[in-house]
Amino acid sequence: MPRKESGEPHSLEKRVNRFCKTLESRFKLMVHTIDESYTSVEADQFLSENKVGWEKRKKMIDMVAAQLILEDFFIASSGDAESRA
């Protein structure tokens, strides 16, 4: 779930919550949200630090950001207080 830098809800929050409720209702599964702020920035930094060139990096940023989001989800689900940061 995106958040503003101030921590306030993003303008898309209502739409995201409505979509989550639709998914929960349709598939009878619990839907979790997670703050994905700055994951693209982190992904770009990670790729840059690992000497991935710009052309390849810009193709991989979303994929790496998705991995970071999933990692945060698993950490939060496990009840582990530690995060990737």
PDB file of N, CA and C in Angstrom:
ATOM      1  N   MET A   1       0.855  -1.168   0.000  1.00  0.00           N
ATOM      2  CA  MET A   1       0.000   0.000   0.000  1.00  0.00           C
ATOM      3  C   MET A   1       0.901   1.230   0.000  1.00  0.00           C
ATOM      4  N   PRO A   2       0.772   2.063  -0.990  1.00  0.00           N
ATOM      5  CA  PRO A   2       1.618   3.267  -1.014  1.00  0.00           C
ATOM      6  C   PRO A   2       1.231   4.238   0.095  1.00  0.00           C
ATOM      7  N   ARG A   3       2.219   4.920   0.620  1.00  0.00           N
ATOM      8  CA  ARG A   3       2.013   5.953   1.637  1.00  0.00           C
ATOM      9  C   ARG A   3       2.726   7.210   1.194  1.00  0.00           C
ATOM     10  N   LYS A   4       2.231   8.352   1.653  1.00  0.00           N
ATOM     11  CA  LYS A   4       2.937   9.607   1.407  1.00  0.00           C
ATOM     12  C   LYS A   4       4.159   9.649   2.316  1.00  0.00           C
ATOM     13  N   GLU A   5       5.137  10.486   1.966  1.00  0.00           N
ATOM     14  CA  GLU A   5       6.340  10.596   2.801  1.00  0.00           C
ATOM     15  C   GLU A   5       6.005  10.990   4.229  1.00  0.00           C
ATOM     16  N   SER A   6       4.930  11.750   4.404  1.00  0.00           N
ATOM     17  CA  SER A   6       4.522  12.192   5.737  1.00  0.00           C
ATOM     18  C   SER A   6       3.912  11.054   6.553  1.00  0.00           C
ATOM     19  N   GLY A   7       3.653   9.902   5.892  1.00  0.00           N
ATOM     20  CA  GLY A   7       3.020   8.773   6.571  1.00  0.00           C
ATOM     21  C   GLY A   7       1.514   8.762   6.411  1.00  0.00           C
ATOM     22  N   GLU A   8       0.978   9.831   5.828  1.00  0.00           N
ATOM     23  CA  GLU A   8      -0.464   9.906   5.604  1.00  0.00           C
ATOM     24  C   GLU A   8      -0.877   8.941   4.504  1.00  0.00           C
ATOM     25  N   PRO A   9      -2.149   8.544   4.500  1.00  0.00           N
ATOM     26  CA  PRO A   9      -2.627   7.663   3.446  1.00  0.00           C
ATOM     27  C   PRO A   9      -2.478   8.298   2.060  1.00  0.00           C
ATOM     28  N   HIS A  10      -2.163   7.472   1.099  1.00  0.00           N
ATOM     29  CA  HIS A  10      -2.038   7.904  -0.292  1.00  0.00           C
ATOM     30  C   HIS A  10      -3.440   8.070  -0.875  1.00  0.00           C
ATOM     31  N   SER A  11      -3.552   8.865  -1.913  1.00  0.00           N
ATOM     32  CA  SER A  11      -4.854   9.105  -2.541  1.00  0.00           C
ATOM     33  C   SER A  11      -5.451   7.823  -3.132  1.00  0.00           C
ATOM     34  N   LEU A  12      -4.629   6.814  -3.375  1.00  0.00           N
ATOM     35  CA  LEU A  12      -5.122   5.554  -3.940  1.00  0.00           C
ATOM     36  C   LEU A  12      -5.588   4.551  -2.886  1.00  0.00           C
ATOM     37  N   GLU A  13      -5.425   4.894  -1.625  1.00  0.00           N
ATOM     38  CA  GLU A  13      -5.708   3.923  -0.565  1.00  0.00           C
ATOM     39  C   GLU A  13      -7.135   3.379  -0.618  1.00  0.00           C
ATOM     40  N   LYS A  14      -8.112   4.224  -0.821  1.00  0.00           N
ATOM     41  CA  LYS A  14      -9.507   3.754  -0.869  1.00  0.00           C
ATOM     42  C   LYS A  14      -9.715   2.773  -2.016  1.00  0.00           C
ATOM     43  N   ARG A  15      -9.129   3.094  -3.176  1.00  0.00           N
ATOM     44  CA  ARG A  15      -9.267   2.196  -4.337  1.00  0.00           C
ATOM     45  C   ARG A  15      -8.578   0.863  -4.086  1.00  0.00           C
ATOM     46  N   VAL A  16      -7.411   0.907  -3.458  1.00  0.00           N
ATOM     47  CA  VAL A  16      -6.676  -0.319  -3.157  1.00  0.00           C
ATOM     48  C   VAL A  16      -7.476  -1.165  -2.175  1.00  0.00           C
ATOM     49  N   ASN A  17      -8.010  -0.552  -1.128  1.00  0.00           N
ATOM     50  CA  ASN A  17      -8.804  -1.295  -0.145  1.00  0.00           C
ATOM     51  C   ASN A  17     -10.052  -1.905  -0.774  1.00  0.00           C
ATOM     52  N   ARG A  18     -10.692  -1.170  -1.652  1.00  0.00           N
ATOM     53  CA  ARG A  18     -11.874  -1.686  -2.344  1.00  0.00           C
ATOM     54  C   ARG A  18     -11.496  -2.900  -3.207  1.00  0.00           C
ATOM     55  N   PHE A  19     -10.370  -2.800  -3.907  1.00  0.00           N
ATOM     56  CA  PHE A  19      -9.894  -3.904  -4.735  1.00  0.00           C
ATOM     57  C   PHE A  19      -9.574  -5.128  -3.878  1.00  0.00           C
ATOM     58  N   CYS A  20      -8.943  -4.908  -2.723  1.00  0.00           N
ATOM     59  CA  CYS A  20      -8.627  -6.001  -1.811  1.00  0.00           C
ATOM     60  C   CYS A  20      -9.896  -6.705  -1.341  1.00  0.00           C
ATOM     61  N   LYS A  21     -10.904  -5.943  -0.987  1.00  0.00           N
ATOM     62  CA  LYS A  21     -12.176  -6.528  -0.547  1.00  0.00           C
ATOM     63  C   LYS A  21     -12.817  -7.341  -1.668  1.00  0.00           C
ATOM     64  N   THR A  22     -12.714  -6.856  -2.898  1.00  0.00           N
ATOM     65  CA  THR A  22     -13.248  -7.588  -4.048  1.00  0.00           C
ATOM     66  C   THR A  22     -12.521  -8.922  -4.207  1.00  0.00           C
ATOM     67  N   LEU A  23     -11.198  -8.897  -4.105  1.00  0.00           N
ATOM     68  CA  LEU A  23     -10.417 -10.131  -4.219  1.00  0.00           C
ATOM     69  C   LEU A  23     -10.770 -11.108  -3.106  1.00  0.00           C
ATOM     70  N   GLU A  24     -10.869 -10.601  -1.870  1.00  0.00           N
ATOM     71  CA  GLU A  24     -11.205 -11.465  -0.733  1.00  0.00           C
ATOM     72  C   GLU A  24     -12.558 -12.116  -0.927  1.00  0.00           C
ATOM     73  N   SER A  25     -13.502 -11.342  -1.387  1.00  0.00           N
ATOM     74  CA  SER A  25     -14.851 -11.840  -1.601  1.00  0.00           C
ATOM     75  C   SER A  25     -14.892 -12.880  -2.725  1.00  0.00           C
ATOM     76  N   ARG A  26     -14.231 -12.580  -3.811  1.00  0.00           N
ATOM     77  CA  ARG A  26     -14.274 -13.464  -4.984  1.00  0.00           C
ATOM     78  C   ARG A  26     -13.537 -14.777  -4.740  1.00  0.00           C
ATOM     79  N   PHE A  27     -12.375 -14.720  -4.097  1.00  0.00           N
ATOM     80  CA  PHE A  27     -11.537 -15.907  -3.966  1.00  0.00           C
ATOM     81  C   PHE A  27     -11.544 -16.522  -2.567  1.00  0.00           C
ATOM     82  N   LYS A  28     -12.266 -15.898  -1.633  1.00  0.00           N
ATOM     83  CA  LYS A  28     -12.370 -16.400  -0.265  1.00  0.00           C
ATOM     84  C   LYS A  28     -10.993 -16.604   0.368  1.00  0.00           C
ATOM     85  N   LEU A  29     -10.103 -15.638   0.111  1.00  0.00           N
ATOM     86  CA  LEU A  29      -8.760 -15.647   0.675  1.00  0.00           C
ATOM     87  C   LEU A  29      -8.489 -14.310   1.351  1.00  0.00           C
ATOM     88  N   MET A  30      -7.613 -14.326   2.353  1.00  0.00           N
ATOM     89  CA  MET A  30      -7.234 -13.089   3.002  1.00  0.00           C
ATOM     90  C   MET A  30      -6.214 -12.363   2.118  1.00  0.00           C
ATOM     91  N   VAL A  31      -6.410 -11.072   1.935  1.00  0.00           N
ATOM     92  CA  VAL A  31      -5.484 -10.260   1.152  1.00  0.00           C
ATOM     93  C   VAL A  31      -4.712  -9.374   2.115  1.00  0.00           C
ATOM     94  N   HIS A  32      -3.402  -9.377   1.968  1.00  0.00           N
ATOM     95  CA  HIS A  32      -2.531  -8.568   2.810  1.00  0.00           C
ATOM     96  C   HIS A  32      -1.996  -7.400   1.989  1.00  0.00           C
ATOM     97  N   THR A  33      -1.831  -6.258   2.636  1.00  0.00           N
ATOM     98  CA  THR A  33      -1.179  -5.133   1.976  1.00  0.00           C
ATOM     99  C   THR A  33       0.136  -4.869   2.707  1.00  0.00           C
ATOM    100  N   ILE A  34       1.045  -4.255   1.981  1.00  0.00           N
ATOM    101  CA  ILE A  34       2.359  -3.958   2.556  1.00  0.00           C
ATOM    102  C   ILE A  34       2.845  -2.650   1.972  1.00  0.00           C
ATOM    103  N   ASP A  35       3.555  -1.883   2.767  1.00  0.00           N
ATOM    104  CA  ASP A  35       4.080  -0.602   2.312  1.00  0.00           C
ATOM    105  C   ASP A  35       5.191  -0.854   1.307  1.00  0.00           C
ATOM    106  N   GLU A  36       5.000  -0.417   0.078  1.00  0.00           N
ATOM    107  CA  GLU A  36       5.984  -0.647  -0.966  1.00  0.00           C
ATOM    108  C   GLU A  36       6.775   0.616  -1.303  1.00  0.00           C
ATOM    109  N   SER A  37       6.713   1.573  -0.403  1.00  0.00           N
ATOM    110  CA  SER A  37       7.433   2.826  -0.622  1.00  0.00           C
ATOM    111  C   SER A  37       8.924   2.579  -0.789  1.00  0.00           C
ATOM    112  N   TYR A  38       9.495   3.210  -1.755  1.00  0.00           N
ATOM    113  CA  TYR A  38      10.938   3.218  -2.009  1.00  0.00           C
ATOM    114  C   TYR A  38      11.529   1.882  -2.447  1.00  0.00           C
ATOM    115  N   THR A  39      10.722   0.877  -2.717  1.00  0.00           N
ATOM    116  CA  THR A  39      11.294  -0.404  -3.130  1.00  0.00           C
ATOM    117  C   THR A  39      11.965  -0.298  -4.496  1.00  0.00           C
ATOM    118  N   SER A  40      11.449   0.537  -5.376  1.00  0.00           N
ATOM    119  CA  SER A  40      12.105   0.715  -6.684  1.00  0.00           C
ATOM    120  C   SER A  40      13.448   1.411  -6.515  1.00  0.00           C
ATOM    121  N   VAL A  41      13.504   2.351  -5.589  1.00  0.00           N
ATOM    122  CA  VAL A  41      14.767   3.041  -5.309  1.00  0.00           C
ATOM    123  C   VAL A  41      15.775   2.050  -4.734  1.00  0.00           C
ATOM    124  N   GLU A  42      15.327   1.217  -3.785  1.00  0.00           N
ATOM    125  CA  GLU A  42      16.209   0.207  -3.199  1.00  0.00           C
ATOM    126  C   GLU A  42      16.688  -0.778  -4.251  1.00  0.00           C
ATOM    127  N   ALA A  43      15.775  -1.178  -5.137  1.00  0.00           N
ATOM    128  CA  ALA A  43      16.130  -2.126  -6.192  1.00  0.00           C
ATOM    129  C   ALA A  43      17.174  -1.526  -7.123  1.00  0.00           C
ATOM    130  N   ASP A  44      16.991  -0.283  -7.511  1.00  0.00           N
ATOM    131  CA  ASP A  44      17.943   0.389  -8.391  1.00  0.00           C
ATOM    132  C   ASP A  44      19.305   0.484  -7.717  1.00  0.00           C
ATOM    133  N   GLN A  45      19.308   0.838  -6.440  1.00  0.00           N
ATOM    134  CA  GLN A  45      20.559   0.951  -5.694  1.00  0.00           C
ATOM    135  C   GLN A  45      21.264  -0.403  -5.617  1.00  0.00           C
ATOM    136  N   PHE A  46      20.505  -1.456  -5.328  1.00  0.00           N
ATOM    137  CA  PHE A  46      21.073  -2.802  -5.240  1.00  0.00           C
ATOM    138  C   PHE A  46      21.706  -3.214  -6.565  1.00  0.00           C
ATOM    139  N   LEU A  47      20.980  -2.992  -7.657  1.00  0.00           N
ATOM    140  CA  LEU A  47      21.492  -3.369  -8.976  1.00  0.00           C
ATOM    141  C   LEU A  47      22.721  -2.552  -9.347  1.00  0.00           C
ATOM    142  N   SER A  48      22.687  -1.274  -9.029  1.00  0.00           N
ATOM    143  CA  SER A  48      23.823  -0.399  -9.314  1.00  0.00           C
ATOM    144  C   SER A  48      25.065  -0.836  -8.534  1.00  0.00           C
ATOM    145  N   GLU A  49      24.874  -1.146  -7.253  1.00  0.00           N
ATOM    146  CA  GLU A  49      25.987  -1.595  -6.413  1.00  0.00           C
ATOM    147  C   GLU A  49      26.579  -2.903  -6.921  1.00  0.00           C
ATOM    148  N   ASN A  50      25.762  -3.692  -7.611  1.00  0.00           N
ATOM    149  CA  ASN A  50      26.220  -4.970  -8.148  1.00  0.00           C
ATOM    150  C   ASN A  50      26.646  -4.858  -9.606  1.00  0.00           C
ATOM    151  N   LYS A  51      26.932  -3.633 -10.002  1.00  0.00           N
ATOM    152  CA  LYS A  51      27.523  -3.334 -11.316  1.00  0.00           C
ATOM    153  C   LYS A  51      26.667  -3.768 -12.509  1.00  0.00           C
ATOM    154  N   VAL A  52      25.340  -3.708 -12.337  1.00  0.00           N
ATOM    155  CA  VAL A  52      24.435  -4.000 -13.444  1.00  0.00           C
ATOM    156  C   VAL A  52      24.309  -2.717 -14.256  1.00  0.00           C
ATOM    157  N   GLY A  53      24.563  -2.808 -15.559  1.00  0.00           N
ATOM    158  CA  GLY A  53      24.502  -1.633 -16.428  1.00  0.00           C
ATOM    159  C   GLY A  53      23.095  -1.057 -16.509  1.00  0.00           C
ATOM    160  N   TRP A  54      23.000   0.221 -16.900  1.00  0.00           N
ATOM    161  CA  TRP A  54      21.726   0.938 -16.890  1.00  0.00           C
ATOM    162  C   TRP A  54      20.671   0.269 -17.762  1.00  0.00           C
ATOM    163  N   GLU A  55      21.011  -0.151 -18.973  1.00  0.00           N
ATOM    164  CA  GLU A  55      20.008  -0.755 -19.868  1.00  0.00           C
ATOM    165  C   GLU A  55      19.395  -1.998 -19.240  1.00  0.00           C
ATOM    166  N   LYS A  56      20.225  -2.859 -18.697  1.00  0.00           N
ATOM    167  CA  LYS A  56      19.731  -4.079 -18.055  1.00  0.00           C
ATOM    168  C   LYS A  56      19.022  -3.743 -16.742  1.00  0.00           C
ATOM    169  N   ARG A  57      19.586  -2.763 -16.007  1.00  0.00           N
ATOM    170  CA  ARG A  57      19.034  -2.376 -14.702  1.00  0.00           C
ATOM    171  C   ARG A  57      17.601  -1.882 -14.834  1.00  0.00           C
ATOM    172  N   LYS A  58      17.337  -1.031 -15.820  1.00  0.00           N
ATOM    173  CA  LYS A  58      15.975  -0.486 -15.921  1.00  0.00           C
ATOM    174  C   LYS A  58      14.958  -1.564 -16.290  1.00  0.00           C
ATOM    175  N   LYS A  59      15.414  -2.668 -16.890  1.00  0.00           N
ATOM    176  CA  LYS A  59      14.518  -3.793 -17.182  1.00  0.00           C
ATOM    177  C   LYS A  59      14.279  -4.654 -15.943  1.00  0.00           C
ATOM    178  N   MET A  60      15.191  -4.583 -14.990  1.00  0.00           N
ATOM    179  CA  MET A  60      15.128  -5.460 -13.817  1.00  0.00           C
ATOM    180  C   MET A  60      14.588  -4.802 -12.560  1.00  0.00           C
ATOM    181  N   ILE A  61      14.460  -3.483 -12.547  1.00  0.00           N
ATOM    182  CA  ILE A  61      14.088  -2.768 -11.320  1.00  0.00           C
ATOM    183  C   ILE A  61      12.764  -3.266 -10.740  1.00  0.00           C
ATOM    184  N   ASP A  62      11.731  -3.390 -11.560  1.00  0.00           N
ATOM    185  CA  ASP A  62      10.430  -3.825 -11.039  1.00  0.00           C
ATOM    186  C   ASP A  62      10.489  -5.246 -10.483  1.00  0.00           C
ATOM    187  N   MET A  63      11.259  -6.110 -11.147  1.00  0.00           N
ATOM    188  CA  MET A  63      11.382  -7.487 -10.688  1.00  0.00           C
ATOM    189  C   MET A  63      12.065  -7.537  -9.315  1.00  0.00           C
ATOM    190  N   VAL A  64      13.134  -6.793  -9.158  1.00  0.00           N
ATOM    191  CA  VAL A  64      13.859  -6.781  -7.885  1.00  0.00           C
ATOM    192  C   VAL A  64      12.999  -6.108  -6.804  1.00  0.00           C
ATOM    193  N   ALA A  65      12.288  -5.044  -7.154  1.00  0.00           N
ATOM    194  CA  ALA A  65      11.401  -4.383  -6.191  1.00  0.00           C
ATOM    195  C   ALA A  65      10.321  -5.356  -5.713  1.00  0.00           C
ATOM    196  N   ALA A  66       9.787  -6.160  -6.626  1.00  0.00           N
ATOM    197  CA  ALA A  66       8.778  -7.154  -6.246  1.00  0.00           C
ATOM    198  C   ALA A  66       9.369  -8.178  -5.278  1.00  0.00           C
ATOM    199  N   GLN A  67      10.621  -8.551  -5.498  1.00  0.00           N
ATOM    200  CA  GLN A  67      11.284  -9.484  -4.580  1.00  0.00           C
ATOM    201  C   GLN A  67      11.433  -8.865  -3.195  1.00  0.00           C
ATOM    202  N   LEU A  68      11.764  -7.583  -3.141  1.00  0.00           N
ATOM    203  CA  LEU A  68      11.899  -6.897  -1.850  1.00  0.00           C
ATOM    204  C   LEU A  68      10.557  -6.837  -1.123  1.00  0.00           C
ATOM    205  N   ILE A  69       9.494  -6.558  -1.866  1.00  0.00           N
ATOM    206  CA  ILE A  69       8.149  -6.506  -1.272  1.00  0.00           C
ATOM    207  C   ILE A  69       7.773  -7.876  -0.719  1.00  0.00           C
ATOM    208  N   LEU A  70       8.049  -8.921  -1.488  1.00  0.00           N
ATOM    209  CA  LEU A  70       7.734 -10.281  -1.039  1.00  0.00           C
ATOM    210  C   LEU A  70       8.558 -10.656   0.195  1.00  0.00           C
ATOM    211  N   GLU A  71       9.816 -10.270   0.204  1.00  0.00           N
ATOM    212  CA  GLU A  71      10.665 -10.527   1.367  1.00  0.00           C
ATOM    213  C   GLU A  71      10.111  -9.820   2.611  1.00  0.00           C
ATOM    214  N   ASP A  72       9.684  -8.563   2.449  1.00  0.00           N
ATOM    215  CA  ASP A  72       9.077  -7.834   3.575  1.00  0.00           C
ATOM    216  C   ASP A  72       7.823  -8.543   4.069  1.00  0.00           C
ATOM    217  N   PHE A  73       7.023  -9.054   3.133  1.00  0.00           N
ATOM    218  CA  PHE A  73       5.800  -9.771   3.501  1.00  0.00           C
ATOM    219  C   PHE A  73       6.142 -11.015   4.326  1.00  0.00           C
ATOM    220  N   PHE A  74       7.124 -11.789   3.860  1.00  0.00           N
ATOM    221  CA  PHE A  74       7.497 -13.006   4.593  1.00  0.00           C
ATOM    222  C   PHE A  74       8.038 -12.679   5.979  1.00  0.00           C
ATOM    223  N   ILE A  75       8.823 -11.632   6.079  1.00  0.00           N
ATOM    224  CA  ILE A  75       9.350 -11.225   7.382  1.00  0.00           C
ATOM    225  C   ILE A  75       8.205 -10.817   8.311  1.00  0.00           C
ATOM    226  N   ALA A  76       7.265 -10.015   7.790  1.00  0.00           N
ATOM    227  CA  ALA A  76       6.120  -9.575   8.602  1.00  0.00           C
ATOM    228  C   ALA A  76       5.241 -10.756   8.999  1.00  0.00           C
ATOM    229  N   SER A  77       5.069 -11.725   8.111  1.00  0.00           N
ATOM    230  CA  SER A  77       4.221 -12.891   8.381  1.00  0.00           C
ATOM    231  C   SER A  77       4.824 -13.813   9.423  1.00  0.00           C
ATOM    232  N   SER A  78       6.142 -13.849   9.463  1.00  0.00           N
ATOM    233  CA  SER A  78       6.813 -14.774  10.380  1.00  0.00           C
ATOM    234  C   SER A  78       6.779 -14.267  11.811  1.00  0.00           C
ATOM    235  N   GLY A  79       6.431 -12.988  11.976  1.00  0.00           N
ATOM    236  CA  GLY A  79       6.437 -12.401  13.309  1.00  0.00           C
ATOM    237  C   GLY A  79       7.828 -12.005  13.755  1.00  0.00           C
ATOM    238  N   ASP A  80       8.788 -12.139  12.855  1.00  0.00           N
ATOM    239  CA  ASP A  80      10.169 -11.762  13.151  1.00  0.00           C
ATOM    240  C   ASP A  80      10.265 -10.246  13.198  1.00  0.00           C
ATOM    241  N   ALA A  81      10.832  -9.722  14.244  1.00  0.00           N
ATOM    242  CA  ALA A  81      10.918  -8.265  14.405  1.00  0.00           C
ATOM    243  C   ALA A  81      11.958  -7.644  13.479  1.00  0.00           C
ATOM    244  N   GLU A  82      12.888  -8.456  12.983  1.00  0.00           N
ATOM    245  CA  GLU A  82      13.926  -7.920  12.107  1.00  0.00           C
ATOM    246  C   GLU A  82      13.378  -7.701  10.708  1.00  0.00           C
ATOM    247  N   SER A  83      13.885  -6.672  10.050  1.00  0.00           N
ATOM    248  CA  SER A  83      13.520  -6.419   8.664  1.00  0.00           C
ATOM    249  C   SER A  83      14.776  -6.499   7.820  1.00  0.00           C
ATOM    250  N   ARG A  84      14.598  -6.332   6.510  1.00  0.00           N
ATOM    251  CA  ARG A  84      15.752  -6.360   5.613  1.00  0.00           C
ATOM    252  C   ARG A  84      16.658  -5.182   5.863  1.00  0.00           C
ATOM    253  N   ALA A  85      16.105  -4.082   6.369  1.00  0.00           N
ATOM    254  CA  ALA A  85      16.878  -2.841   6.519  1.00  0.00           C
ATOM    255  C   ALA A  85      17.880  -2.950   7.578  1.00  0.00           C
TER     256      ALA A  85
END
